[in-house]
Structures are given as structure tokens and as C-alpha cells.
Amino acid sequence: MLAEFLLYDNFIINKYHSIYLKLITKVINENRIYNSSIHEYHHILPKSVNGTVTIPLTFKEHFIAHRLLTKFTKGKLKHSMIFAFRTFRN
């Protein structure tokens, strides 16, 4: 599941990247089953760069994941992540 994310080479490797990986790994290891009342699907690698794998995150985890993505992306993708986070926040 993580291979798609790890093979993408246009990320800044920093503490936010590590926190994001820990969050995603935790969810994968829990083998969560999607429940529409408490989960939302999240693309591990952003859909805007052709990410296809999704996992169920709680609303809080989903918010945090999008915040983290704004901290370790760069270039055009960073602008997309900031836009997505602002839309998510509003």
C-alpha cells in the first residue's frame, strides 16, 4: 500500500513527512474497515499526482493528514495541497 507513496520522489523529507508516514502506517497495520459514520477515504499519495490507494481515516486524522501534506510538498503540488487544506478547513 505504501509503495506508491514511497516511490514518489518529489517530497521534502522532514519531520512532517515522518509523522505522515507513521499515521498512514498505523492505519494500515490496524486493518481498518471503512465505516461511513466515522471514516473518510484518504488517498495516501495525493490524487492530483495520480495516487490510487485509499485508506479510511477518522475525520480528525484526515484533517491532520492534509495539514501534514502542506508541510512536506513542494512546487505545484504544494499549491494543490494548500488549496485542498483550505477547502477542507472551510
PDB file of N, CA and C in Angstrom:
ATOM      1  N   MET A   1       0.812  -1.204   0.000  1.00  0.00           N
ATOM      2  CA  MET A   1       0.000   0.000   0.000  1.00  0.00           C
ATOM      3  C   MET A   1       0.854   1.266   0.000  1.00  0.00           C
ATOM      4  N   LEU A   2       1.944   1.219   0.709  1.00  0.00           N
ATOM      5  CA  LEU A   2       2.809   2.403   0.811  1.00  0.00           C
ATOM      6  C   LEU A   2       3.762   2.570  -0.370  1.00  0.00           C
ATOM      7  N   ALA A   3       3.916   1.549  -1.186  1.00  0.00           N
ATOM      8  CA  ALA A   3       4.902   1.594  -2.270  1.00  0.00           C
ATOM      9  C   ALA A   3       4.692   2.790  -3.181  1.00  0.00           C
ATOM     10  N   GLU A   4       3.453   3.052  -3.544  1.00  0.00           N
ATOM     11  CA  GLU A   4       3.129   4.179  -4.417  1.00  0.00           C
ATOM     12  C   GLU A   4       3.624   5.496  -3.818  1.00  0.00           C
ATOM     13  N   PHE A   5       3.402   5.656  -2.522  1.00  0.00           N
ATOM     14  CA  PHE A   5       3.826   6.872  -1.818  1.00  0.00           C
ATOM     15  C   PHE A   5       5.343   6.955  -1.722  1.00  0.00           C
ATOM     16  N   LEU A   6       5.966   5.848  -1.351  1.00  0.00           N
ATOM     17  CA  LEU A   6       7.418   5.847  -1.150  1.00  0.00           C
ATOM     18  C   LEU A   6       8.194   6.012  -2.456  1.00  0.00           C
ATOM     19  N   LEU A   7       7.623   5.594  -3.573  1.00  0.00           N
ATOM     20  CA  LEU A   7       8.294   5.727  -4.859  1.00  0.00           C
ATOM     21  C   LEU A   7       8.206   7.139  -5.435  1.00  0.00           C
ATOM     22  N   TYR A   8       7.282   7.936  -4.928  1.00  0.00           N
ATOM     23  CA  TYR A   8       7.155   9.316  -5.406  1.00  0.00           C
ATOM     24  C   TYR A   8       8.323  10.112  -4.834  1.00  0.00           C
ATOM     25  N   ASP A   9       9.104  10.740  -5.701  1.00  0.00           N
ATOM     26  CA  ASP A   9      10.364  11.357  -5.251  1.00  0.00           C
ATOM     27  C   ASP A   9      10.344  12.877  -5.187  1.00  0.00           C
ATOM     28  N   ASN A  10       9.175  13.491  -5.166  1.00  0.00           N
ATOM     29  CA  ASN A  10       9.121  14.951  -5.156  1.00  0.00           C
ATOM     30  C   ASN A  10       8.619  15.503  -3.819  1.00  0.00           C
ATOM     31  N   PHE A  11       8.955  14.826  -2.728  1.00  0.00           N
ATOM     32  CA  PHE A  11       8.603  15.281  -1.390  1.00  0.00           C
ATOM     33  C   PHE A  11       9.842  15.807  -0.677  1.00  0.00           C
ATOM     34  N   ILE A  12       9.624  16.710   0.256  1.00  0.00           N
ATOM     35  CA  ILE A  12      10.684  17.155   1.154  1.00  0.00           C
ATOM     36  C   ILE A  12      10.681  16.162   2.323  1.00  0.00           C
ATOM     37  N   ILE A  13      11.797  15.523   2.569  1.00  0.00           N
ATOM     38  CA  ILE A  13      11.876  14.556   3.664  1.00  0.00           C
ATOM     39  C   ILE A  13      12.215  15.326   4.937  1.00  0.00           C
ATOM     40  N   ASN A  14      11.217  15.505   5.795  1.00  0.00           N
ATOM     41  CA  ASN A  14      11.386  16.238   7.043  1.00  0.00           C
ATOM     42  C   ASN A  14      10.531  15.580   8.124  1.00  0.00           C
ATOM     43  N   LYS A  15      10.406  16.238   9.266  1.00  0.00           N
ATOM     44  CA  LYS A  15       9.666  15.630  10.369  1.00  0.00           C
ATOM     45  C   LYS A  15       8.182  15.446  10.040  1.00  0.00           C
ATOM     46  N   TYR A  16       7.614  16.323   9.216  1.00  0.00           N
ATOM     47  CA  TYR A  16       6.204  16.206   8.853  1.00  0.00           C
ATOM     48  C   TYR A  16       5.968  14.996   7.953  1.00  0.00           C
ATOM     49  N   HIS A  17       6.927  14.730   7.089  1.00  0.00           N
ATOM     50  CA  HIS A  17       6.882  13.538   6.239  1.00  0.00           C
ATOM     51  C   HIS A  17       6.906  12.285   7.119  1.00  0.00           C
ATOM     52  N   SER A  18       7.757  12.288   8.126  1.00  0.00           N
ATOM     53  CA  SER A  18       7.852  11.143   9.049  1.00  0.00           C
ATOM     54  C   SER A  18       6.562  10.945   9.836  1.00  0.00           C
ATOM     55  N   ILE A  19       5.970  12.042  10.294  1.00  0.00           N
ATOM     56  CA  ILE A  19       4.718  11.949  11.052  1.00  0.00           C
ATOM     57  C   ILE A  19       3.605  11.402  10.165  1.00  0.00           C
ATOM     58  N   TYR A  20       3.556  11.871   8.919  1.00  0.00           N
ATOM     59  CA  TYR A  20       2.557  11.392   7.961  1.00  0.00           C
ATOM     60  C   TYR A  20       2.725   9.885   7.730  1.00  0.00           C
ATOM     61  N   LEU A  21       3.972   9.461   7.521  1.00  0.00           N
ATOM     62  CA  LEU A  21       4.238   8.026   7.324  1.00  0.00           C
ATOM     63  C   LEU A  21       3.799   7.201   8.534  1.00  0.00           C
ATOM     64  N   LYS A  22       4.058   7.702   9.735  1.00  0.00           N
ATOM     65  CA  LYS A  22       3.650   6.989  10.951  1.00  0.00           C
ATOM     66  C   LYS A  22       2.137   6.872  11.031  1.00  0.00           C
ATOM     67  N   LEU A  23       1.435   7.948  10.690  1.00  0.00           N
ATOM     68  CA  LEU A  23      -0.030   7.929  10.712  1.00  0.00           C
ATOM     69  C   LEU A  23      -0.575   6.909   9.713  1.00  0.00           C
ATOM     70  N   ILE A  24      -0.071   6.956   8.495  1.00  0.00           N
ATOM     71  CA  ILE A  24      -0.541   6.052   7.450  1.00  0.00           C
ATOM     72  C   ILE A  24      -0.202   4.600   7.799  1.00  0.00           C
ATOM     73  N   THR A  25       1.001   4.363   8.284  1.00  0.00           N
ATOM     74  CA  THR A  25       1.420   3.011   8.667  1.00  0.00           C
ATOM     75  C   THR A  25       0.556   2.469   9.798  1.00  0.00           C
ATOM     76  N   LYS A  26       0.235   3.327  10.765  1.00  0.00           N
ATOM     77  CA  LYS A  26      -0.614   2.920  11.880  1.00  0.00           C
ATOM     78  C   LYS A  26      -1.977   2.446  11.373  1.00  0.00           C
ATOM     79  N   VAL A  27      -2.551   3.207  10.475  1.00  0.00           N
ATOM     80  CA  VAL A  27      -3.871   2.854   9.938  1.00  0.00           C
ATOM     81  C   VAL A  27      -3.807   1.554   9.131  1.00  0.00           C
ATOM     82  N   ILE A  28      -2.776   1.404   8.322  1.00  0.00           N
ATOM     83  CA  ILE A  28      -2.619   0.179   7.527  1.00  0.00           C
ATOM     84  C   ILE A  28      -2.466  -1.034   8.441  1.00  0.00           C
ATOM     85  N   ASN A  29      -1.665  -0.906   9.488  1.00  0.00           N
ATOM     86  CA  ASN A  29      -1.436  -2.024  10.409  1.00  0.00           C
ATOM     87  C   ASN A  29      -2.684  -2.402  11.206  1.00  0.00           C
ATOM     88  N   GLU A  30      -3.599  -1.441  11.387  1.00  0.00           N
ATOM     89  CA  GLU A  30      -4.843  -1.733  12.111  1.00  0.00           C
ATOM     90  C   GLU A  30      -5.853  -2.490  11.251  1.00  0.00           C
ATOM     91  N   ASN A  31      -5.604  -2.563   9.936  1.00  0.00           N
ATOM     92  CA  ASN A  31      -6.552  -3.206   9.006  1.00  0.00           C
ATOM     93  C   ASN A  31      -7.965  -2.666   9.189  1.00  0.00           C
ATOM     94  N   ARG A  32      -8.080  -1.357   9.207  1.00  0.00           N
ATOM     95  CA  ARG A  32      -9.373  -0.723   9.421  1.00  0.00           C
ATOM     96  C   ARG A  32     -10.372  -1.074   8.337  1.00  0.00           C
ATOM     97  N   ILE A  33     -11.602  -1.165   8.761  1.00  0.00           N
ATOM     98  CA  ILE A  33     -12.710  -1.359   7.835  1.00  0.00           C
ATOM     99  C   ILE A  33     -13.492  -0.051   7.808  1.00  0.00           C
ATOM    100  N   TYR A  34     -13.775   0.423   6.614  1.00  0.00           N
ATOM    101  CA  TYR A  34     -14.466   1.699   6.436  1.00  0.00           C
ATOM    102  C   TYR A  34     -15.855   1.677   7.064  1.00  0.00           C
ATOM    103  N   ASN A  35     -16.126   2.710   7.859  1.00  0.00           N
ATOM    104  CA  ASN A  35     -17.440   2.920   8.459  1.00  0.00           C
ATOM    105  C   ASN A  35     -17.814   4.366   8.149  1.00  0.00           C
ATOM    106  N   SER A  36     -18.845   4.577   7.343  1.00  0.00           N
ATOM    107  CA  SER A  36     -19.173   5.915   6.848  1.00  0.00           C
ATOM    108  C   SER A  36     -19.515   6.921   7.940  1.00  0.00           C
ATOM    109  N   SER A  37     -19.875   6.460   9.124  1.00  0.00           N
ATOM    110  CA  SER A  37     -20.214   7.404  10.187  1.00  0.00           C
ATOM    111  C   SER A  37     -18.980   7.951  10.913  1.00  0.00           C
ATOM    112  N   ILE A  38     -17.834   7.279  10.774  1.00  0.00           N
ATOM    113  CA  ILE A  38     -16.632   7.764  11.475  1.00  0.00           C
ATOM    114  C   ILE A  38     -15.393   7.889  10.587  1.00  0.00           C
ATOM    115  N   HIS A  39     -15.479   7.467   9.321  1.00  0.00           N
ATOM    116  CA  HIS A  39     -14.301   7.487   8.450  1.00  0.00           C
ATOM    117  C   HIS A  39     -14.554   8.248   7.154  1.00  0.00           C
ATOM    118  N   GLU A  40     -13.463   8.702   6.580  1.00  0.00           N
ATOM    119  CA  GLU A  40     -13.445   9.251   5.226  1.00  0.00           C
ATOM    120  C   GLU A  40     -12.292   8.583   4.505  1.00  0.00           C
ATOM    121  N   TYR A  41     -12.447   8.375   3.209  1.00  0.00           N
ATOM    122  CA  TYR A  41     -11.347   7.807   2.435  1.00  0.00           C
ATOM    123  C   TYR A  41     -10.309   8.887   2.154  1.00  0.00           C
ATOM    124  N   HIS A  42      -9.039   8.509   2.238  1.00  0.00           N
ATOM    125  CA  HIS A  42      -7.920   9.421   2.001  1.00  0.00           C
ATOM    126  C   HIS A  42      -6.941   8.746   1.051  1.00  0.00           C
ATOM    127  N   HIS A  43      -6.541   9.458   0.005  1.00  0.00           N
ATOM    128  CA  HIS A  43      -5.518   8.947  -0.907  1.00  0.00           C
ATOM    129  C   HIS A  43      -4.158   9.084  -0.226  1.00  0.00           C
ATOM    130  N   ILE A  44      -3.437   7.996  -0.090  1.00  0.00           N
ATOM    131  CA  ILE A  44      -2.124   8.035   0.548  1.00  0.00           C
ATOM    132  C   ILE A  44      -1.203   8.962  -0.233  1.00  0.00           C
ATOM    133  N   LEU A  45      -1.097   8.742  -1.524  1.00  0.00           N
ATOM    134  CA  LEU A  45      -0.413   9.667  -2.423  1.00  0.00           C
ATOM    135  C   LEU A  45      -1.515  10.521  -3.030  1.00  0.00           C
ATOM    136  N   PRO A  46      -1.383  11.840  -2.988  1.00  0.00           N
ATOM    137  CA  PRO A  46      -2.463  12.705  -3.467  1.00  0.00           C
ATOM    138  C   PRO A  46      -2.970  12.327  -4.861  1.00  0.00           C
ATOM    139  N   LYS A  47      -4.265  12.420  -5.011  1.00  0.00           N
ATOM    140  CA  LYS A  47      -4.924  12.088  -6.275  1.00  0.00           C
ATOM    141  C   LYS A  47      -4.413  12.980  -7.410  1.00  0.00           C
ATOM    142  N   SER A  48      -4.007  14.215  -7.072  1.00  0.00           N
ATOM    143  CA  SER A  48      -3.527  15.154  -8.093  1.00  0.00           C
ATOM    144  C   SER A  48      -2.219  14.707  -8.748  1.00  0.00           C
ATOM    145  N   VAL A  49      -1.516  13.751  -8.136  1.00  0.00           N
ATOM    146  CA  VAL A  49      -0.316  13.168  -8.763  1.00  0.00           C
ATOM    147  C   VAL A  49      -0.551  11.684  -9.042  1.00  0.00           C
ATOM    148  N   ASN A  50      -1.799  11.372  -9.348  1.00  0.00           N
ATOM    149  CA  ASN A  50      -2.226  10.030  -9.754  1.00  0.00           C
ATOM    150  C   ASN A  50      -2.150   8.971  -8.663  1.00  0.00           C
ATOM    151  N   GLY A  51      -2.341   9.387  -7.426  1.00  0.00           N
ATOM    152  CA  GLY A  51      -2.430   8.415  -6.339  1.00  0.00           C
ATOM    153  C   GLY A  51      -3.709   7.617  -6.462  1.00  0.00           C
ATOM    154  N   THR A  52      -3.631   6.327  -6.245  1.00  0.00           N
ATOM    155  CA  THR A  52      -4.803   5.466  -6.410  1.00  0.00           C
ATOM    156  C   THR A  52      -5.218   4.750  -5.129  1.00  0.00           C
ATOM    157  N   VAL A  53      -4.314   4.552  -4.199  1.00  0.00           N
ATOM    158  CA  VAL A  53      -4.603   3.776  -2.985  1.00  0.00           C
ATOM    159  C   VAL A  53      -5.252   4.679  -1.937  1.00  0.00           C
ATOM    160  N   THR A  54      -6.390   4.217  -1.406  1.00  0.00           N
ATOM    161  CA  THR A  54      -7.067   4.969  -0.354  1.00  0.00           C
ATOM    162  C   THR A  54      -7.145   4.136   0.920  1.00  0.00           C
ATOM    163  N   ILE A  55      -7.234   4.846   2.045  1.00  0.00           N
ATOM    164  CA  ILE A  55      -7.389   4.205   3.342  1.00  0.00           C
ATOM    165  C   ILE A  55      -8.447   4.975   4.131  1.00  0.00           C
ATOM    166  N   PRO A  56      -9.119   4.313   5.078  1.00  0.00           N
ATOM    167  CA  PRO A  56     -10.100   5.026   5.900  1.00  0.00           C
ATOM    168  C   PRO A  56      -9.428   5.736   7.073  1.00  0.00           C
ATOM    169  N   LEU A  57      -9.661   7.032   7.150  1.00  0.00           N
ATOM    170  CA  LEU A  57      -9.158   7.818   8.274  1.00  0.00           C
ATOM    171  C   LEU A  57     -10.337   8.422   9.017  1.00  0.00           C
ATOM    172  N   THR A  58     -10.173   8.616  10.329  1.00  0.00           N
ATOM    173  CA  THR A  58     -11.198   9.347  11.072  1.00  0.00           C
ATOM    174  C   THR A  58     -11.170  10.787  10.578  1.00  0.00           C
ATOM    175  N   PHE A  59     -12.190  11.544  10.911  1.00  0.00           N
ATOM    176  CA  PHE A  59     -12.254  12.933  10.464  1.00  0.00           C
ATOM    177  C   PHE A  59     -11.041  13.726  10.974  1.00  0.00           C
ATOM    178  N   LYS A  60     -10.686  13.495  12.229  1.00  0.00           N
ATOM    179  CA  LYS A  60      -9.540  14.192  12.817  1.00  0.00           C
ATOM    180  C   LYS A  60      -8.236  13.791  12.120  1.00  0.00           C
ATOM    181  N   GLU A  61      -8.038  12.501  11.902  1.00  0.00           N
ATOM    182  CA  GLU A  61      -6.832  12.022  11.215  1.00  0.00           C
ATOM    183  C   GLU A  61      -6.758  12.574   9.794  1.00  0.00           C
ATOM    184  N   HIS A  62      -7.905  12.666   9.135  1.00  0.00           N
ATOM    185  CA  HIS A  62      -7.938  13.172   7.768  1.00  0.00           C
ATOM    186  C   HIS A  62      -7.519  14.643   7.734  1.00  0.00           C
ATOM    187  N   PHE A  63      -8.008  15.416   8.680  1.00  0.00           N
ATOM    188  CA  PHE A  63      -7.629  16.823   8.791  1.00  0.00           C
ATOM    189  C   PHE A  63      -6.124  16.944   9.023  1.00  0.00           C
ATOM    190  N   ILE A  64      -5.603  16.157   9.949  1.00  0.00           N
ATOM    191  CA  ILE A  64      -4.172  16.183  10.264  1.00  0.00           C
ATOM    192  C   ILE A  64      -3.346  15.770   9.046  1.00  0.00           C
ATOM    193  N   ALA A  65      -3.784  14.728   8.350  1.00  0.00           N
ATOM    194  CA  ALA A  65      -3.053  14.260   7.170  1.00  0.00           C
ATOM    195  C   ALA A  65      -2.943  15.367   6.122  1.00  0.00           C
ATOM    196  N   HIS A  66      -4.028  16.086   5.894  1.00  0.00           N
ATOM    197  CA  HIS A  66      -3.986  17.171   4.904  1.00  0.00           C
ATOM    198  C   HIS A  66      -3.114  18.324   5.378  1.00  0.00           C
ATOM    199  N   ARG A  67      -3.107  18.587   6.660  1.00  0.00           N
ATOM    200  CA  ARG A  67      -2.224  19.636   7.200  1.00  0.00           C
ATOM    201  C   ARG A  67      -0.762  19.234   7.006  1.00  0.00           C
ATOM    202  N   LEU A  68      -0.454  17.983   7.292  1.00  0.00           N
ATOM    203  CA  LEU A  68       0.913  17.490   7.132  1.00  0.00           C
ATOM    204  C   LEU A  68       1.363  17.556   5.675  1.00  0.00           C
ATOM    205  N   LEU A  69       0.470  17.220   4.753  1.00  0.00           N
ATOM    206  CA  LEU A  69       0.816  17.253   3.324  1.00  0.00           C
ATOM    207  C   LEU A  69       1.252  18.649   2.880  1.00  0.00           C
ATOM    208  N   THR A  70       0.721  19.687   3.499  1.00  0.00           N
ATOM    209  CA  THR A  70       1.131  21.052   3.122  1.00  0.00           C
ATOM    210  C   THR A  70       2.548  21.350   3.595  1.00  0.00           C
ATOM    211  N   LYS A  71       3.054  20.558   4.524  1.00  0.00           N
ATOM    212  CA  LYS A  71       4.368  20.822   5.118  1.00  0.00           C
ATOM    213  C   LYS A  71       5.527  20.091   4.456  1.00  0.00           C
ATOM    214  N   PHE A  72       5.252  19.076   3.628  1.00  0.00           N
ATOM    215  CA  PHE A  72       6.377  18.372   3.003  1.00  0.00           C
ATOM    216  C   PHE A  72       6.246  18.221   1.492  1.00  0.00           C
ATOM    217  N   THR A  73       5.337  18.983   0.916  1.00  0.00           N
ATOM    218  CA  THR A  73       5.242  19.001  -0.544  1.00  0.00           C
ATOM    219  C   THR A  73       5.922  20.258  -1.063  1.00  0.00           C
ATOM    220  N   LYS A  74       6.191  20.263  -2.371  1.00  0.00           N
ATOM    221  CA  LYS A  74       6.847  21.429  -2.955  1.00  0.00           C
ATOM    222  C   LYS A  74       6.327  21.671  -4.362  1.00  0.00           C
ATOM    223  N   GLY A  75       6.575  22.869  -4.843  1.00  0.00           N
ATOM    224  CA  GLY A  75       6.185  23.226  -6.196  1.00  0.00           C
ATOM    225  C   GLY A  75       4.682  23.281  -6.393  1.00  0.00           C
ATOM    226  N   LYS A  76       4.246  22.849  -7.559  1.00  0.00           N
ATOM    227  CA  LYS A  76       2.836  22.882  -7.933  1.00  0.00           C
ATOM    228  C   LYS A  76       1.988  22.028  -6.986  1.00  0.00           C
ATOM    229  N   LEU A  77       2.544  20.899  -6.549  1.00  0.00           N
ATOM    230  CA  LEU A  77       1.817  20.030  -5.632  1.00  0.00           C
ATOM    231  C   LEU A  77       1.537  20.734  -4.308  1.00  0.00           C
ATOM    232  N   LYS A  78       2.494  21.536  -3.833  1.00  0.00           N
ATOM    233  CA  LYS A  78       2.296  22.267  -2.574  1.00  0.00           C
ATOM    234  C   LYS A  78       1.090  23.192  -2.683  1.00  0.00           C
ATOM    235  N   HIS A  79       0.980  23.884  -3.816  1.00  0.00           N
ATOM    236  CA  HIS A  79      -0.159  24.786  -4.013  1.00  0.00           C
ATOM    237  C   HIS A  79      -1.473  24.007  -4.013  1.00  0.00           C
ATOM    238  N   SER A  80      -1.472  22.838  -4.623  1.00  0.00           N
ATOM    239  CA  SER A  80      -2.665  21.986  -4.632  1.00  0.00           C
ATOM    240  C   SER A  80      -3.021  21.535  -3.219  1.00  0.00           C
ATOM    241  N   MET A  81      -2.009  21.181  -2.430  1.00  0.00           N
ATOM    242  CA  MET A  81      -2.250  20.708  -1.064  1.00  0.00           C
ATOM    243  C   MET A  81      -2.748  21.841  -0.167  1.00  0.00           C
ATOM    244  N   ILE A  82      -2.213  23.040  -0.360  1.00  0.00           N
ATOM    245  CA  ILE A  82      -2.685  24.194   0.418  1.00  0.00           C
ATOM    246  C   ILE A  82      -4.139  24.487   0.068  1.00  0.00           C
ATOM    247  N   PHE A  83      -4.461  24.458  -1.225  1.00  0.00           N
ATOM    248  CA  PHE A  83      -5.839  24.684  -1.655  1.00  0.00           C
ATOM    249  C   PHE A  83      -6.765  23.625  -1.051  1.00  0.00           C
ATOM    250  N   ALA A  84      -6.348  22.364  -1.108  1.00  0.00           N
ATOM    251  CA  ALA A  84      -7.165  21.273  -0.559  1.00  0.00           C
ATOM    252  C   ALA A  84      -7.358  21.446   0.947  1.00  0.00           C
ATOM    253  N   PHE A  85      -6.312  21.836   1.648  1.00  0.00           N
ATOM    254  CA  PHE A  85      -6.408  22.014   3.100  1.00  0.00           C
ATOM    255  C   PHE A  85      -7.332  23.171   3.438  1.00  0.00           C
ATOM    256  N   ARG A  86      -7.199  24.284   2.708  1.00  0.00           N
ATOM    257  CA  ARG A  86      -8.080  25.432   2.963  1.00  0.00           C
ATOM    258  C   ARG A  86      -9.530  25.077   2.692  1.00  0.00           C
ATOM    259  N   THR A  87      -9.772  24.331   1.640  1.00  0.00           N
ATOM    260  CA  THR A  87     -11.135  23.895   1.319  1.00  0.00           C
ATOM    261  C   THR A  87     -11.640  22.963   2.401  1.00  0.00           C
ATOM    262  N   PHE A  88     -10.787  22.078   2.851  1.00  0.00           N
ATOM    263  CA  PHE A  88     -11.123  21.132   3.914  1.00  0.00           C
ATOM    264  C   PHE A  88     -11.471  21.891   5.185  1.00  0.00           C
ATOM    265  N   ARG A  89     -10.684  22.891   5.511  1.00  0.00           N
ATOM    266  CA  ARG A  89     -10.856  23.667   6.742  1.00  0.00           C
ATOM    267  C   ARG A  89     -12.158  24.450   6.739  1.00  0.00           C
ATOM    268  N   ASN A  90     -12.530  24.968   5.572  1.00  0.00           N
ATOM    269  CA  ASN A  90     -13.751  25.780   5.478  1.00  0.00           C
ATOM    270  C   ASN A  90     -14.958  24.894   5.375  1.00  0.00           C
TER     271      ASN A  90
END
